[in-house]
Amino acid sequence: MAVSSSTVRAAAPSKNPLIYNITSPGSANTEFSQVLSTNTKQFIVKARGNATLKVAFVSGESSTNYITLSKHASLSQENLDATITLYMQCDKASEVIEILEWT
């Protein structure tokens, strides 16, 4: 039996992408945040370098109730229509965090 593969390409959720390149604090494992735009439809977040990133959606929970993004991993959320604040901690100081959002 032959196995076939195909690539499905979906349309971008909007025509308004926005890129954030933010730098984590000068101390590792310190919470910082980024407010995304009103009516965010989709976002992707990742650490640019060789760092682990913790992501939470409630202030103060980036050390207790979070998603761990291992080195070179990303978090993507789609089908949204909300204003979102990401609360993050990075295991390396002064790491660049890349966020791509669509509104």
PDB file of N, CA and C in Angstrom:
ATOM      1  N   MET A   1       0.839  -1.163   0.000  1.00  0.00           N
ATOM      2  CA  MET A   1       0.000   0.000   0.000  1.00  0.00           C
ATOM      3  C   MET A   1       0.893   1.238   0.000  1.00  0.00           C
ATOM      4  N   ALA A   2       0.670   2.123  -0.911  1.00  0.00           N
ATOM      5  CA  ALA A   2       1.459   3.342  -1.018  1.00  0.00           C
ATOM      6  C   ALA A   2       0.935   4.385  -0.034  1.00  0.00           C
ATOM      7  N   VAL A   3       1.852   5.129   0.504  1.00  0.00           N
ATOM      8  CA  VAL A   3       1.485   6.216   1.410  1.00  0.00           C
ATOM      9  C   VAL A   3       1.762   7.511   0.686  1.00  0.00           C
ATOM     10  N   SER A   4       0.770   8.373   0.673  1.00  0.00           N
ATOM     11  CA  SER A   4       0.973   9.660   0.017  1.00  0.00           C
ATOM     12  C   SER A   4       0.976  10.758   1.061  1.00  0.00           C
ATOM     13  N   SER A   5       1.621  11.813   0.738  1.00  0.00           N
ATOM     14  CA  SER A   5       1.618  12.959   1.633  1.00  0.00           C
ATOM     15  C   SER A   5       1.311  14.199   0.824  1.00  0.00           C
ATOM     16  N   SER A   6       0.727  15.159   1.479  1.00  0.00           N
ATOM     17  CA  SER A   6       0.436  16.415   0.813  1.00  0.00           C
ATOM     18  C   SER A   6       0.587  17.535   1.816  1.00  0.00           C
ATOM     19  N   THR A   7       0.749  18.706   1.316  1.00  0.00           N
ATOM     20  CA  THR A   7       0.858  19.879   2.158  1.00  0.00           C
ATOM     21  C   THR A   7      -0.397  20.700   1.986  1.00  0.00           C
ATOM     22  N   VAL A   8      -1.023  21.026   3.084  1.00  0.00           N
ATOM     23  CA  VAL A   8      -2.211  21.862   3.056  1.00  0.00           C
ATOM     24  C   VAL A   8      -1.795  23.246   3.506  1.00  0.00           C
ATOM     25  N   ARG A   9      -2.080  24.207   2.705  1.00  0.00           N
ATOM     26  CA  ARG A   9      -1.732  25.582   3.045  1.00  0.00           C
ATOM     27  C   ARG A   9      -3.014  26.353   3.324  1.00  0.00           C
ATOM     28  N   ALA A  10      -3.100  26.865   4.533  1.00  0.00           N
ATOM     29  CA  ALA A  10      -4.276  27.641   4.921  1.00  0.00           C
ATOM     30  C   ALA A  10      -3.987  29.117   4.719  1.00  0.00           C
ATOM     31  N   ALA A  11      -5.039  29.852   4.496  1.00  0.00           N
ATOM     32  CA  ALA A  11      -4.898  31.298   4.344  1.00  0.00           C
ATOM     33  C   ALA A  11      -4.499  31.911   5.678  1.00  0.00           C
ATOM     34  N   ALA A  12      -3.738  32.983   5.627  1.00  0.00           N
ATOM     35  CA  ALA A  12      -3.372  33.701   6.846  1.00  0.00           C
ATOM     36  C   ALA A  12      -4.637  34.201   7.524  1.00  0.00           C
ATOM     37  N   PRO A  13      -4.671  34.236   8.862  1.00  0.00           N
ATOM     38  CA  PRO A  13      -5.880  34.621   9.568  1.00  0.00           C
ATOM     39  C   PRO A  13      -6.289  36.072   9.348  1.00  0.00           C
ATOM     40  N   SER A  14      -5.384  36.894   8.910  1.00  0.00           N
ATOM     41  CA  SER A  14      -5.714  38.282   8.586  1.00  0.00           C
ATOM     42  C   SER A  14      -4.584  38.861   7.761  1.00  0.00           C
ATOM     43  N   LYS A  15      -4.748  40.096   7.421  1.00  0.00           N
ATOM     44  CA  LYS A  15      -3.708  40.776   6.650  1.00  0.00           C
ATOM     45  C   LYS A  15      -2.878  41.688   7.527  1.00  0.00           C
ATOM     46  N   ASN A  16      -2.954  41.504   8.839  1.00  0.00           N
ATOM     47  CA  ASN A  16      -2.284  42.403   9.763  1.00  0.00           C
ATOM     48  C   ASN A  16      -1.321  41.672  10.691  1.00  0.00           C
ATOM     49  N   PRO A  17      -0.223  41.141  10.168  1.00  0.00           N
ATOM     50  CA  PRO A  17       0.754  40.523  11.075  1.00  0.00           C
ATOM     51  C   PRO A  17       1.574  41.601  11.792  1.00  0.00           C
ATOM     52  N   LEU A  18       1.995  41.282  12.989  1.00  0.00           N
ATOM     53  CA  LEU A  18       2.826  42.193  13.764  1.00  0.00           C
ATOM     54  C   LEU A  18       3.885  41.362  14.466  1.00  0.00           C
ATOM     55  N   ILE A  19       5.131  41.791  14.375  1.00  0.00           N
ATOM     56  CA  ILE A  19       6.249  41.079  15.001  1.00  0.00           C
ATOM     57  C   ILE A  19       6.739  41.875  16.202  1.00  0.00           C
ATOM     58  N   TYR A  20       6.923  41.178  17.319  1.00  0.00           N
ATOM     59  CA  TYR A  20       7.538  41.748  18.514  1.00  0.00           C
ATOM     60  C   TYR A  20       8.857  41.022  18.731  1.00  0.00           C
ATOM     61  N   ASN A  21       9.919  41.746  18.937  1.00  0.00           N
ATOM     62  CA  ASN A  21      11.202  41.192  19.377  1.00  0.00           C
ATOM     63  C   ASN A  21      11.498  41.875  20.702  1.00  0.00           C
ATOM     64  N   ILE A  22      11.208  41.163  21.791  1.00  0.00           N
ATOM     65  CA  ILE A  22      11.398  41.755  23.113  1.00  0.00           C
ATOM     66  C   ILE A  22      12.536  41.032  23.826  1.00  0.00           C
ATOM     67  N   THR A  23      13.211  41.741  24.688  1.00  0.00           N
ATOM     68  CA  THR A  23      14.340  41.167  25.418  1.00  0.00           C
ATOM     69  C   THR A  23      13.913  40.842  26.837  1.00  0.00           C
ATOM     70  N   SER A  24      14.196  39.615  27.252  1.00  0.00           N
ATOM     71  CA  SER A  24      13.872  39.212  28.626  1.00  0.00           C
ATOM     72  C   SER A  24      14.725  40.020  29.597  1.00  0.00           C
ATOM     73  N   PRO A  25      14.330  40.069  30.879  1.00  0.00           N
ATOM     74  CA  PRO A  25      15.082  40.852  31.859  1.00  0.00           C
ATOM     75  C   PRO A  25      16.542  40.413  31.971  1.00  0.00           C
ATOM     76  N   GLY A  26      17.338  41.259  32.587  1.00  0.00           N
ATOM     77  CA  GLY A  26      18.751  40.987  32.779  1.00  0.00           C
ATOM     78  C   GLY A  26      19.037  39.889  33.785  1.00  0.00           C
ATOM     79  N   SER A  27      18.004  39.412  34.467  1.00  0.00           N
ATOM     80  CA  SER A  27      18.129  38.283  35.395  1.00  0.00           C
ATOM     81  C   SER A  27      17.294  37.123  34.868  1.00  0.00           C
ATOM     82  N   ALA A  28      17.871  35.944  34.812  1.00  0.00           N
ATOM     83  CA  ALA A  28      17.136  34.761  34.357  1.00  0.00           C
ATOM     84  C   ALA A  28      15.995  34.452  35.324  1.00  0.00           C
ATOM     85  N   ASN A  29      14.975  33.787  34.805  1.00  0.00           N
ATOM     86  CA  ASN A  29      13.833  33.322  35.608  1.00  0.00           C
ATOM     87  C   ASN A  29      13.101  34.446  36.325  1.00  0.00           C
ATOM     88  N   THR A  30      12.977  35.576  35.646  1.00  0.00           N
ATOM     89  CA  THR A  30      12.226  36.722  36.148  1.00  0.00           C
ATOM     90  C   THR A  30      11.046  36.954  35.213  1.00  0.00           C
ATOM     91  N   GLU A  31       9.847  37.065  35.772  1.00  0.00           N
ATOM     92  CA  GLU A  31       8.661  37.232  34.929  1.00  0.00           C
ATOM     93  C   GLU A  31       8.669  38.577  34.206  1.00  0.00           C
ATOM     94  N   PHE A  32       8.269  38.544  32.951  1.00  0.00           N
ATOM     95  CA  PHE A  32       8.048  39.743  32.151  1.00  0.00           C
ATOM     96  C   PHE A  32       6.820  39.482  31.303  1.00  0.00           C
ATOM     97  N   SER A  33       6.257  40.520  30.713  1.00  0.00           N
ATOM     98  CA  SER A  33       5.005  40.329  29.982  1.00  0.00           C
ATOM     99  C   SER A  33       4.985  41.109  28.678  1.00  0.00           C
ATOM    100  N   GLN A  34       4.073  40.701  27.810  1.00  0.00           N
ATOM    101  CA  GLN A  34       3.820  41.413  26.565  1.00  0.00           C
ATOM    102  C   GLN A  34       2.317  41.367  26.304  1.00  0.00           C
ATOM    103  N   VAL A  35       1.709  42.545  26.177  1.00  0.00           N
ATOM    104  CA  VAL A  35       0.293  42.639  25.820  1.00  0.00           C
ATOM    105  C   VAL A  35       0.201  42.584  24.303  1.00  0.00           C
ATOM    106  N   LEU A  36      -0.635  41.690  23.792  1.00  0.00           N
ATOM    107  CA  LEU A  36      -0.870  41.611  22.358  1.00  0.00           C
ATOM    108  C   LEU A  36      -2.007  42.557  21.983  1.00  0.00           C
ATOM    109  N   SER A  37      -2.195  42.775  20.712  1.00  0.00           N
ATOM    110  CA  SER A  37      -3.193  43.719  20.229  1.00  0.00           C
ATOM    111  C   SER A  37      -4.613  43.294  20.565  1.00  0.00           C
ATOM    112  N   THR A  38      -5.514  44.270  20.592  1.00  0.00           N
ATOM    113  CA  THR A  38      -6.937  43.983  20.742  1.00  0.00           C
ATOM    114  C   THR A  38      -7.387  43.118  19.573  1.00  0.00           C
ATOM    115  N   ASN A  39      -8.220  42.142  19.844  1.00  0.00           N
ATOM    116  CA  ASN A  39      -8.776  41.230  18.833  1.00  0.00           C
ATOM    117  C   ASN A  39      -7.708  40.409  18.116  1.00  0.00           C
ATOM    118  N   THR A  40      -6.719  39.948  18.866  1.00  0.00           N
ATOM    119  CA  THR A  40      -5.709  39.044  18.299  1.00  0.00           C
ATOM    120  C   THR A  40      -6.402  37.786  17.795  1.00  0.00           C
ATOM    121  N   LYS A  41      -6.060  37.378  16.584  1.00  0.00           N
ATOM    122  CA  LYS A  41      -6.648  36.180  15.972  1.00  0.00           C
ATOM    123  C   LYS A  41      -5.745  34.958  16.127  1.00  0.00           C
ATOM    124  N   GLN A  42      -4.433  35.189  16.099  1.00  0.00           N
ATOM    125  CA  GLN A  42      -3.475  34.088  16.189  1.00  0.00           C
ATOM    126  C   GLN A  42      -2.146  34.651  16.667  1.00  0.00           C
ATOM    127  N   PHE A  43      -1.365  33.821  17.391  1.00  0.00           N
ATOM    128  CA  PHE A  43      -0.011  34.237  17.739  1.00  0.00           C
ATOM    129  C   PHE A  43       0.904  33.025  17.818  1.00  0.00           C
ATOM    130  N   ILE A  44       2.199  33.310  17.656  1.00  0.00           N
ATOM    131  CA  ILE A  44       3.269  32.336  17.818  1.00  0.00           C
ATOM    132  C   ILE A  44       4.316  33.006  18.700  1.00  0.00           C
ATOM    133  N   VAL A  45       4.869  32.257  19.669  1.00  0.00           N
ATOM    134  CA  VAL A  45       5.909  32.805  20.537  1.00  0.00           C
ATOM    135  C   VAL A  45       7.027  31.786  20.682  1.00  0.00           C
ATOM    136  N   LYS A  46       8.283  32.284  20.723  1.00  0.00           N
ATOM    137  CA  LYS A  46       9.447  31.413  20.904  1.00  0.00           C
ATOM    138  C   LYS A  46      10.643  32.246  21.338  1.00  0.00           C
ATOM    139  N   ALA A  47      11.607  31.584  21.956  1.00  0.00           N
ATOM    140  CA  ALA A  47      12.884  32.229  22.265  1.00  0.00           C
ATOM    141  C   ALA A  47      13.767  32.123  21.028  1.00  0.00           C
ATOM    142  N   ARG A  48      14.453  33.188  20.691  1.00  0.00           N
ATOM    143  CA  ARG A  48      15.291  33.198  19.489  1.00  0.00           C
ATOM    144  C   ARG A  48      16.507  32.302  19.634  1.00  0.00           C
ATOM    145  N   GLY A  49      17.124  32.308  20.774  1.00  0.00           N
ATOM    146  CA  GLY A  49      18.381  31.589  20.970  1.00  0.00           C
ATOM    147  C   GLY A  49      18.192  30.210  21.565  1.00  0.00           C
ATOM    148  N   ASN A  50      19.148  29.827  22.354  1.00  0.00           N
ATOM    149  CA  ASN A  50      19.223  28.490  22.936  1.00  0.00           C
ATOM    150  C   ASN A  50      18.705  28.521  24.373  1.00  0.00           C
ATOM    151  N   ALA A  51      17.439  28.924  24.538  1.00  0.00           N
ATOM    152  CA  ALA A  51      16.873  29.096  25.873  1.00  0.00           C
ATOM    153  C   ALA A  51      15.546  28.363  26.004  1.00  0.00           C
ATOM    154  N   THR A  52      15.186  28.068  27.249  1.00  0.00           N
ATOM    155  CA  THR A  52      13.879  27.501  27.562  1.00  0.00           C
ATOM    156  C   THR A  52      12.984  28.632  28.041  1.00  0.00           C
ATOM    157  N   LEU A  53      11.747  28.640  27.563  1.00  0.00           N
ATOM    158  CA  LEU A  53      10.804  29.715  27.869  1.00  0.00           C
ATOM    159  C   LEU A  53       9.583  29.128  28.562  1.00  0.00           C
ATOM    160  N   LYS A  54       9.133  29.783  29.637  1.00  0.00           N
ATOM    161  CA  LYS A  54       7.889  29.424  30.316  1.00  0.00           C
ATOM    162  C   LYS A  54       6.858  30.483  29.949  1.00  0.00           C
ATOM    163  N   VAL A  55       5.658  30.044  29.548  1.00  0.00           N
ATOM    164  CA  VAL A  55       4.614  30.975  29.128  1.00  0.00           C
ATOM    165  C   VAL A  55       3.348  30.709  29.930  1.00  0.00           C
ATOM    166  N   ALA A  56       2.780  31.780  30.490  1.00  0.00           N
ATOM    167  CA  ALA A  56       1.522  31.703  31.239  1.00  0.00           C
ATOM    168  C   ALA A  56       0.590  32.804  30.734  1.00  0.00           C
ATOM    169  N   PHE A  57      -0.658  32.718  31.154  1.00  0.00           N
ATOM    170  CA  PHE A  57      -1.655  33.699  30.729  1.00  0.00           C
ATOM    171  C   PHE A  57      -2.205  34.510  31.901  1.00  0.00           C
ATOM    172  N   VAL A  58      -1.640  34.278  33.097  1.00  0.00           N
ATOM    173  CA  VAL A  58      -2.044  34.997  34.299  1.00  0.00           C
ATOM    174  C   VAL A  58      -0.786  35.515  34.990  1.00  0.00           C
ATOM    175  N   SER A  59      -0.819  36.765  35.405  1.00  0.00           N
ATOM    176  CA  SER A  59       0.327  37.358  36.091  1.00  0.00           C
ATOM    177  C   SER A  59       0.696  36.548  37.327  1.00  0.00           C
ATOM    178  N   GLY A  60       1.992  36.293  37.501  1.00  0.00           N
ATOM    179  CA  GLY A  60       2.488  35.559  38.651  1.00  0.00           C
ATOM    180  C   GLY A  60       2.497  34.050  38.478  1.00  0.00           C
ATOM    181  N   GLU A  61       1.910  33.550  37.383  1.00  0.00           N
ATOM    182  CA  GLU A  61       1.847  32.100  37.191  1.00  0.00           C
ATOM    183  C   GLU A  61       2.931  31.550  36.277  1.00  0.00           C
ATOM    184  N   SER A  62       3.856  32.373  35.836  1.00  0.00           N
ATOM    185  CA  SER A  62       4.911  31.862  34.955  1.00  0.00           C
ATOM    186  C   SER A  62       5.924  30.994  35.696  1.00  0.00           C
ATOM    187  N   SER A  63       5.749  30.866  37.010  1.00  0.00           N
ATOM    188  CA  SER A  63       6.602  29.947  37.761  1.00  0.00           C
ATOM    189  C   SER A  63       5.801  28.813  38.402  1.00  0.00           C
ATOM    190  N   THR A  64       4.470  28.827  38.248  1.00  0.00           N
ATOM    191  CA  THR A  64       3.642  27.790  38.878  1.00  0.00           C
ATOM    192  C   THR A  64       2.692  27.085  37.917  1.00  0.00           C
ATOM    193  N   ASN A  65       2.118  27.797  36.963  1.00  0.00           N
ATOM    194  CA  ASN A  65       1.105  27.242  36.070  1.00  0.00           C
ATOM    195  C   ASN A  65       1.398  27.741  34.656  1.00  0.00           C
ATOM    196  N   TYR A  66       2.259  27.032  33.944  1.00  0.00           N
ATOM    197  CA  TYR A  66       2.790  27.542  32.689  1.00  0.00           C
ATOM    198  C   TYR A  66       2.987  26.414  31.677  1.00  0.00           C
ATOM    199  N   ILE A  67       3.232  26.812  30.439  1.00  0.00           N
ATOM    200  CA  ILE A  67       3.619  25.911  29.357  1.00  0.00           C
ATOM    201  C   ILE A  67       5.122  26.073  29.177  1.00  0.00           C
ATOM    202  N   THR A  68       5.865  24.978  29.112  1.00  0.00           N
ATOM    203  CA  THR A  68       7.306  25.035  28.902  1.00  0.00           C
ATOM    204  C   THR A  68       7.614  24.871  27.429  1.00  0.00           C
ATOM    205  N   LEU A  69       8.352  25.814  26.890  1.00  0.00           N
ATOM    206  CA  LEU A  69       8.833  25.720  25.514  1.00  0.00           C
ATOM    207  C   LEU A  69      10.319  25.389  25.571  1.00  0.00           C
ATOM    208  N   SER A  70      10.640  24.171  25.244  1.00  0.00           N
ATOM    209  CA  SER A  70      12.038  23.751  25.230  1.00  0.00           C
ATOM    210  C   SER A  70      12.802  24.541  24.187  1.00  0.00           C
ATOM    211  N   LYS A  71      14.109  24.455  24.236  1.00  0.00           N
ATOM    212  CA  LYS A  71      14.958  25.170  23.285  1.00  0.00           C
ATOM    213  C   LYS A  71      14.488  24.907  21.863  1.00  0.00           C
ATOM    214  N   HIS A  72      14.311  25.970  21.103  1.00  0.00           N
ATOM    215  CA  HIS A  72      13.925  25.949  19.694  1.00  0.00           C
ATOM    216  C   HIS A  72      12.468  25.553  19.460  1.00  0.00           C
ATOM    217  N   ALA A  73      11.652  25.449  20.494  1.00  0.00           N
ATOM    218  CA  ALA A  73      10.230  25.136  20.334  1.00  0.00           C
ATOM    219  C   ALA A  73       9.420  26.429  20.310  1.00  0.00           C
ATOM    220  N   SER A  74       8.198  26.337  19.794  1.00  0.00           N
ATOM    221  CA  SER A  74       7.318  27.502  19.761  1.00  0.00           C
ATOM    222  C   SER A  74       5.927  27.114  20.225  1.00  0.00           C
ATOM    223  N   LEU A  75       5.157  28.105  20.638  1.00  0.00           N
ATOM    224  CA  LEU A  75       3.764  27.936  21.022  1.00  0.00           C
ATOM    225  C   LEU A  75       2.930  28.724  20.035  1.00  0.00           C
ATOM    226  N   SER A  76       1.911  28.081  19.483  1.00  0.00           N
ATOM    227  CA  SER A  76       1.029  28.720  18.521  1.00  0.00           C
ATOM    228  C   SER A  76      -0.411  28.550  18.985  1.00  0.00           C
ATOM    229  N   GLN A  77      -1.158  29.631  18.970  1.00  0.00           N
ATOM    230  CA  GLN A  77      -2.577  29.601  19.293  1.00  0.00           C
ATOM    231  C   GLN A  77      -3.330  30.274  18.158  1.00  0.00           C
ATOM    232  N   GLU A  78      -4.390  29.632  17.696  1.00  0.00           N
ATOM    233  CA  GLU A  78      -5.170  30.194  16.603  1.00  0.00           C
ATOM    234  C   GLU A  78      -6.647  30.212  16.953  1.00  0.00           C
ATOM    235  N   ASN A  79      -7.431  30.758  16.044  1.00  0.00           N
ATOM    236  CA  ASN A  79      -8.887  30.862  16.207  1.00  0.00           C
ATOM    237  C   ASN A  79      -9.258  31.657  17.459  1.00  0.00           C
ATOM    238  N   LEU A  80      -8.535  32.723  17.695  1.00  0.00           N
ATOM    239  CA  LEU A  80      -8.780  33.595  18.835  1.00  0.00           C
ATOM    240  C   LEU A  80      -9.504  34.852  18.379  1.00  0.00           C
ATOM    241  N   ASP A  81     -10.051  35.562  19.296  1.00  0.00           N
ATOM    242  CA  ASP A  81     -10.592  36.904  19.072  1.00  0.00           C
ATOM    243  C   ASP A  81     -10.583  37.579  20.435  1.00  0.00           C
ATOM    244  N   ALA A  82      -9.381  37.922  20.901  1.00  0.00           N
ATOM    245  CA  ALA A  82      -9.229  38.384  22.277  1.00  0.00           C
ATOM    246  C   ALA A  82      -8.021  39.295  22.405  1.00  0.00           C
ATOM    247  N   THR A  83      -7.987  40.010  23.509  1.00  0.00           N
ATOM    248  CA  THR A  83      -6.790  40.735  23.908  1.00  0.00           C
ATOM    249  C   THR A  83      -6.074  39.842  24.919  1.00  0.00           C
ATOM    250  N   ILE A  84      -4.833  39.517  24.638  1.00  0.00           N
ATOM    251  CA  ILE A  84      -4.096  38.534  25.421  1.00  0.00           C
ATOM    252  C   ILE A  84      -2.825  39.169  25.959  1.00  0.00           C
ATOM    253  N   THR A  85      -2.500  38.848  27.199  1.00  0.00           N
ATOM    254  CA  THR A  85      -1.201  39.210  27.760  1.00  0.00           C
ATOM    255  C   THR A  85      -0.440  37.915  28.015  1.00  0.00           C
ATOM    256  N   LEU A  86       0.768  37.839  27.498  1.00  0.00           N
ATOM    257  CA  LEU A  86       1.647  36.701  27.733  1.00  0.00           C
ATOM    258  C   LEU A  86       2.581  37.051  28.888  1.00  0.00           C
ATOM    259  N   TYR A  87       2.649  36.161  29.877  1.00  0.00           N
ATOM    260  CA  TYR A  87       3.566  36.308  31.011  1.00  0.00           C
ATOM    261  C   TYR A  87       4.623  35.233  30.846  1.00  0.00           C
ATOM    262  N   MET A  88       5.881  35.630  30.842  1.00  0.00           N
ATOM    263  CA  MET A  88       6.947  34.703  30.475  1.00  0.00           C
ATOM    264  C   MET A  88       8.117  34.775  31.439  1.00  0.00           C
ATOM    265  N   GLN A  89       8.865  33.670  31.483  1.00  0.00           N
ATOM    266  CA  GLN A  89      10.159  33.598  32.151  1.00  0.00           C
ATOM    267  C   GLN A  89      11.100  32.850  31.229  1.00  0.00           C
ATOM    268  N   CYS A  90      12.345  33.257  31.222  1.00  0.00           N
ATOM    269  CA  CYS A  90      13.359  32.632  30.381  1.00  0.00           C
ATOM    270  C   CYS A  90      14.505  32.171  31.276  1.00  0.00           C
ATOM    271  N   ASP A  91      15.062  31.008  30.957  1.00  0.00           N
ATOM    272  CA  ASP A  91      16.159  30.500  31.794  1.00  0.00           C
ATOM    273  C   ASP A  91      17.496  31.167  31.490  1.00  0.00           C
ATOM    274  N   LYS A  92      17.520  32.093  30.552  1.00  0.00           N
ATOM    275  CA  LYS A  92      18.732  32.852  30.233  1.00  0.00           C
ATOM    276  C   LYS A  92      18.395  34.345  30.292  1.00  0.00           C
ATOM    277  N   ALA A  93      19.290  35.126  30.845  1.00  0.00           N
ATOM    278  CA  ALA A  93      19.103  36.571  30.922  1.00  0.00           C
ATOM    279  C   ALA A  93      19.244  37.209  29.548  1.00  0.00           C
ATOM    280  N   SER A  94      18.507  38.268  29.324  1.00  0.00           N
ATOM    281  CA  SER A  94      18.619  39.101  28.116  1.00  0.00           C
ATOM    282  C   SER A  94      18.457  38.312  26.823  1.00  0.00           C
ATOM    283  N   GLU A  95      17.545  37.369  26.814  1.00  0.00           N
ATOM    284  CA  GLU A  95      17.250  36.557  25.628  1.00  0.00           C
ATOM    285  C   GLU A  95      16.186  37.269  24.793  1.00  0.00           C
ATOM    286  N   VAL A  96      16.323  37.248  23.475  1.00  0.00           N
ATOM    287  CA  VAL A  96      15.315  37.832  22.598  1.00  0.00           C
ATOM    288  C   VAL A  96      14.163  36.845  22.434  1.00  0.00           C
ATOM    289  N   ILE A  97      12.955  37.336  22.691  1.00  0.00           N
ATOM    290  CA  ILE A  97      11.734  36.544  22.531  1.00  0.00           C
ATOM    291  C   ILE A  97      11.011  37.070  21.299  1.00  0.00           C
ATOM    292  N   GLU A  98      10.671  36.153  20.413  1.00  0.00           N
ATOM    293  CA  GLU A  98      10.006  36.509  19.163  1.00  0.00           C
ATOM    294  C   GLU A  98       8.519  36.175  19.285  1.00  0.00           C
ATOM    295  N   ILE A  99       7.677  37.145  18.981  1.00  0.00           N
ATOM    296  CA  ILE A  99       6.230  36.936  18.978  1.00  0.00           C
ATOM    297  C   ILE A  99       5.711  37.429  17.636  1.00  0.00           C
ATOM    298  N   LEU A 100       4.933  36.603  16.989  1.00  0.00           N
ATOM    299  CA  LEU A 100       4.261  36.977  15.736  1.00  0.00           C
ATOM    300  C   LEU A 100       2.774  36.872  16.003  1.00  0.00           C
ATOM    301  N   GLU A 101       2.043  37.961  15.763  1.00  0.00           N
ATOM    302  CA  GLU A 101       0.598  37.929  15.969  1.00  0.00           C
ATOM    303  C   GLU A 101      -0.114  38.418  14.712  1.00  0.00           C
ATOM    304  N   TRP A 102      -1.362  37.978  14.592  1.00  0.00           N
ATOM    305  CA  TRP A 102      -2.237  38.453  13.527  1.00  0.00           C
ATOM    306  C   TRP A 102      -3.500  39.010  14.171  1.00  0.00           C
ATOM    307  N   THR A 103      -3.976  40.130  13.653  1.00  0.00           N
ATOM    308  CA  THR A 103      -5.225  40.723  14.157  1.00  0.00           C
ATOM    309  C   THR A 103      -6.243  40.778  13.047  1.00  0.00           C
TER     310      THR A 103
END
